[in-house]
Amino acid sequence: MTCGSSAAEFYEFIRKKFIKTKLLKPKSSRKSSSELYCICMGYLNPEKSE
């Protein structure tokens, strides 16, 4: 899946904040559309101390 440079930068930033991330394009979205969903699971909270 391709995305613009600012979207790619955003995705790289988000990947560092969550355990698991995935980009999804809705089936209802046109192929020419840049619409994407970024699904994130397992937030890595840097302020949380264990």
N, C-alpha and C. Protein backbone atom coordinates (compact mmCIF):
# COMPACT_ATOMS: atom_id res chain seq x y z
N MET A 1 0.85 -1.18 0.00
CA MET A 1 0.00 0.00 0.00
C MET A 1 0.89 1.24 0.00
N THR A 2 0.63 2.14 -0.88
CA THR A 2 1.45 3.35 -0.96
C THR A 2 0.72 4.51 -0.32
N CYS A 3 1.48 5.47 0.14
CA CYS A 3 0.89 6.68 0.71
C CYS A 3 1.86 7.84 0.52
N GLY A 4 1.36 9.05 0.62
CA GLY A 4 2.18 10.24 0.43
C GLY A 4 3.24 10.38 1.50
N SER A 5 4.18 11.29 1.28
CA SER A 5 5.31 11.43 2.20
C SER A 5 4.87 11.85 3.60
N SER A 6 3.92 12.77 3.71
CA SER A 6 3.49 13.18 5.05
C SER A 6 2.74 12.05 5.75
N ALA A 7 1.98 11.26 4.99
CA ALA A 7 1.29 10.11 5.58
C ALA A 7 2.31 9.06 6.02
N ALA A 8 3.34 8.86 5.25
CA ALA A 8 4.38 7.89 5.60
C ALA A 8 5.12 8.34 6.86
N GLU A 9 5.40 9.62 6.98
CA GLU A 9 6.06 10.15 8.18
C GLU A 9 5.18 9.96 9.40
N PHE A 10 3.89 10.23 9.25
CA PHE A 10 2.93 10.05 10.34
C PHE A 10 2.89 8.58 10.77
N TYR A 11 2.83 7.68 9.79
CA TYR A 11 2.76 6.25 10.10
C TYR A 11 4.01 5.78 10.83
N GLU A 12 5.17 6.24 10.43
CA GLU A 12 6.41 5.88 11.12
C GLU A 12 6.41 6.39 12.55
N PHE A 13 5.90 7.60 12.76
CA PHE A 13 5.80 8.18 14.10
C PHE A 13 4.87 7.34 14.97
N ILE A 14 3.70 6.98 14.43
CA ILE A 14 2.70 6.20 15.16
C ILE A 14 3.22 4.80 15.49
N ARG A 15 3.96 4.19 14.57
CA ARG A 15 4.48 2.84 14.79
C ARG A 15 5.36 2.76 16.03
N LYS A 16 6.00 3.86 16.39
CA LYS A 16 6.87 3.89 17.57
C LYS A 16 6.07 4.02 18.87
N LYS A 17 4.79 4.40 18.76
CA LYS A 17 3.96 4.64 19.93
C LYS A 17 3.05 3.47 20.30
N PHE A 18 2.92 2.49 19.39
CA PHE A 18 2.02 1.37 19.63
C PHE A 18 2.71 0.04 19.35
N ILE A 19 2.26 -1.01 20.01
CA ILE A 19 2.81 -2.34 19.81
C ILE A 19 2.50 -2.84 18.41
N LYS A 20 1.27 -2.63 17.97
CA LYS A 20 0.84 -3.14 16.66
C LYS A 20 0.10 -2.04 15.90
N THR A 21 0.47 -1.83 14.65
CA THR A 21 -0.22 -0.86 13.80
C THR A 21 -0.48 -1.49 12.43
N LYS A 22 -1.53 -1.00 11.79
CA LYS A 22 -1.88 -1.51 10.46
C LYS A 22 -2.60 -0.42 9.68
N LEU A 23 -2.26 -0.28 8.41
CA LEU A 23 -2.96 0.65 7.53
C LEU A 23 -3.98 -0.12 6.72
N LEU A 24 -5.21 0.39 6.69
CA LEU A 24 -6.28 -0.25 5.93
C LEU A 24 -6.97 0.76 5.03
N LYS A 25 -7.29 0.34 3.82
CA LYS A 25 -8.06 1.15 2.90
C LYS A 25 -9.46 0.54 2.86
N PRO A 26 -10.49 1.33 3.18
CA PRO A 26 -11.85 0.79 3.18
C PRO A 26 -12.25 0.26 1.80
N LYS A 27 -12.96 -0.85 1.78
CA LYS A 27 -13.42 -1.42 0.52
C LYS A 27 -14.32 -0.46 -0.24
N SER A 28 -15.03 0.39 0.49
CA SER A 28 -15.94 1.34 -0.15
C SER A 28 -15.22 2.55 -0.73
N SER A 29 -13.95 2.69 -0.45
CA SER A 29 -13.16 3.82 -0.93
C SER A 29 -12.73 3.59 -2.38
N ARG A 30 -12.76 4.64 -3.17
CA ARG A 30 -12.32 4.54 -4.56
C ARG A 30 -10.82 4.31 -4.61
N LYS A 31 -10.36 3.61 -5.64
CA LYS A 31 -8.93 3.33 -5.77
C LYS A 31 -8.10 4.60 -5.84
N SER A 32 -8.64 5.64 -6.46
CA SER A 32 -7.90 6.90 -6.60
C SER A 32 -7.90 7.72 -5.31
N SER A 33 -8.72 7.34 -4.33
CA SER A 33 -8.81 8.07 -3.07
C SER A 33 -7.61 7.77 -2.18
N SER A 34 -7.18 8.77 -1.43
CA SER A 34 -6.06 8.59 -0.50
C SER A 34 -6.55 8.20 0.90
N GLU A 35 -7.83 7.87 1.02
CA GLU A 35 -8.43 7.53 2.31
C GLU A 35 -7.79 6.26 2.88
N LEU A 36 -7.28 6.35 4.11
CA LEU A 36 -6.69 5.22 4.83
C LEU A 36 -7.09 5.29 6.29
N TYR A 37 -7.19 4.14 6.91
CA TYR A 37 -7.39 4.07 8.35
C TYR A 37 -6.12 3.50 8.97
N CYS A 38 -5.70 4.11 10.05
CA CYS A 38 -4.53 3.62 10.78
C CYS A 38 -5.05 2.98 12.06
N ILE A 39 -4.98 1.66 12.12
CA ILE A 39 -5.46 0.90 13.28
C ILE A 39 -4.28 0.67 14.21
N CYS A 40 -4.45 1.08 15.48
CA CYS A 40 -3.35 1.00 16.45
C CYS A 40 -3.81 0.24 17.69
N MET A 41 -2.94 -0.64 18.18
CA MET A 41 -3.26 -1.41 19.37
C MET A 41 -2.04 -1.44 20.30
N GLY A 42 -2.31 -1.35 21.60
CA GLY A 42 -1.24 -1.48 22.59
C GLY A 42 -0.38 -0.23 22.71
N TYR A 43 -0.96 0.85 23.21
CA TYR A 43 -0.23 2.10 23.37
C TYR A 43 0.96 1.92 24.29
N LEU A 44 2.12 2.37 23.85
CA LEU A 44 3.35 2.31 24.65
C LEU A 44 3.53 3.66 25.36
N ASN A 45 2.99 3.75 26.55
CA ASN A 45 3.03 4.99 27.33
C ASN A 45 4.42 5.17 27.96
N PRO A 46 5.19 6.14 27.50
CA PRO A 46 6.55 6.34 28.03
C PRO A 46 6.56 6.85 29.47
N GLU A 47 5.44 7.42 29.95
CA GLU A 47 5.39 7.96 31.30
C GLU A 47 5.01 6.90 32.32
N LYS A 48 4.53 5.77 31.88
CA LYS A 48 4.11 4.70 32.77
C LYS A 48 5.33 3.95 33.27
N SER A 49 5.50 3.91 34.57
CA SER A 49 6.64 3.18 35.16
C SER A 49 6.13 1.95 35.86
N GLU A 50 6.83 0.87 35.67
CA GLU A 50 6.42 -0.40 36.32
C GLU A 50 7.51 -0.88 37.24
